[in-house]
Protein backbone atom coordinates (compact mmCIF):
# COMPACT_ATOMS: atom_id res chain seq x y z
CA MET A 1 242.29 165.33 -129.70
CA LYS A 2 244.85 163.06 -131.36
CA ALA A 3 247.10 163.38 -128.32
CA LEU A 4 244.31 162.12 -126.06
CA GLY A 5 243.76 159.12 -128.34
CA LEU A 6 247.47 158.33 -128.39
CA LEU A 7 247.70 158.68 -124.62
CA SER A 8 244.73 156.32 -124.18
CA LEU A 9 246.32 153.80 -126.51
CA LEU A 10 249.62 153.92 -124.63
CA LEU A 11 247.82 153.51 -121.31
CA ALA A 12 245.94 150.47 -122.60
CA LEU A 13 249.18 148.98 -123.93
CA LEU A 14 250.87 149.56 -120.58
CA ILE A 15 248.05 147.78 -118.75
CA VAL A 16 248.26 144.79 -121.12
CA VAL A 17 252.05 144.54 -120.72
CA VAL A 18 251.86 144.70 -116.92
CA GLN A 19 249.15 142.02 -116.82
CA ALA A 20 251.08 139.76 -119.22
CA LYS A 21 254.26 140.13 -117.17
CA LYS A 22 252.38 139.34 -113.96
CA GLN A 23 250.74 136.28 -115.54
CA LEU A 24 254.04 134.95 -116.87
CA SER A 25 255.80 135.36 -113.54
CA VAL A 26 253.00 133.48 -111.74
CA THR A 27 253.10 130.69 -114.35
CA HIS A 28 256.85 130.20 -114.07
CA GLN A 29 256.76 130.10 -110.27
CA ALA A 30 253.94 127.57 -110.09
CA THR A 31 255.27 125.10 -112.66
CA PRO A 32 258.05 123.35 -110.68
CA GLY A 33 255.86 122.83 -107.63
CA ALA A 34 253.00 121.52 -109.74
CA ALA A 35 255.29 119.10 -111.58
CA ALA A 36 256.80 117.81 -108.34
CA SER A 37 253.36 117.42 -106.80
CA ALA A 38 252.02 115.51 -109.81
CA ALA A 39 255.10 113.26 -109.91
CA SER A 40 254.93 112.44 -106.22
CA SER A 41 251.21 111.65 -106.39
CA ALA A 42 251.94 109.31 -109.32
CA GLY A 43 254.67 107.57 -107.32
CA VAL A 44 257.52 108.77 -109.53
CA ASP A 45 260.87 109.62 -107.95
CA LEU A 46 262.35 112.83 -109.32
CA PRO A 47 266.11 112.83 -109.89
CA LYS A 48 268.14 115.32 -107.89
CA VAL A 49 270.01 117.64 -110.23
CA ASP A 50 272.68 119.74 -108.54
CA ASN A 51 274.97 120.69 -111.40
CA ALA A 52 275.24 120.79 -115.18
CA GLU A 53 276.66 117.26 -115.44
CA ASP A 54 273.73 115.80 -113.49
CA ALA A 55 271.34 117.73 -115.73
CA ARG A 56 273.03 116.37 -118.86
CA ARG A 57 272.86 112.81 -117.52
CA ALA A 58 269.18 113.17 -116.62
CA GLN A 59 268.40 114.65 -120.02
CA GLN A 60 270.28 111.84 -121.77
CA ARG A 61 268.45 109.23 -119.68
CA VAL A 62 265.08 110.71 -120.64
CA GLN A 63 266.07 110.91 -124.29
CA ASP A 64 267.22 107.26 -124.27
CA ASP A 65 263.96 106.17 -122.62
CA VAL A 66 261.85 108.06 -125.14
CA ASN A 67 263.84 106.63 -128.06
CA ARG A 68 263.47 103.10 -126.68
CA LEU A 69 259.71 103.55 -126.26
CA MET A 70 259.34 105.02 -129.75
CA GLN A 71 261.26 102.10 -131.28
CA GLY A 72 258.95 99.67 -129.51
CA ARG A 73 255.91 101.56 -130.71
CA ALA A 74 257.24 101.64 -134.28
CA SER A 75 257.68 97.88 -134.29
CA ASP A 76 254.14 97.45 -132.87
CA VAL A 77 252.74 99.63 -135.64
CA ALA A 78 254.75 97.75 -138.29
CA ARG A 79 253.45 94.43 -136.98
CA GLY A 80 249.91 95.80 -137.00
CA VAL A 81 250.27 96.92 -140.62
CA ASP A 82 251.74 93.55 -141.62
CA ASP A 83 248.90 91.67 -139.91
CA ALA A 84 246.29 93.90 -141.55
CA ASP A 85 247.56 92.97 -145.02
CA LYS A 86 247.00 89.26 -144.42
CA PRO A 87 243.58 87.79 -145.29
């Protein structure tokens, strides 16, 4: 009786693993196409990355842009806090 319970448990685990693997493979295949589609509909040009150096440059460009935007936002917040203190 215990063997039947163990066999059922292993079968259920196998089904869960197969479904999870299938779901993950579908998710990873759909992501690049979805991102490219969303970017093109928003009018954003995607950079062409052919090698590791291009990827590093693109990553650095994005990081610089994010840092610049965050600095601007931080100064906006600081100005807002300063203005709120004034009567």
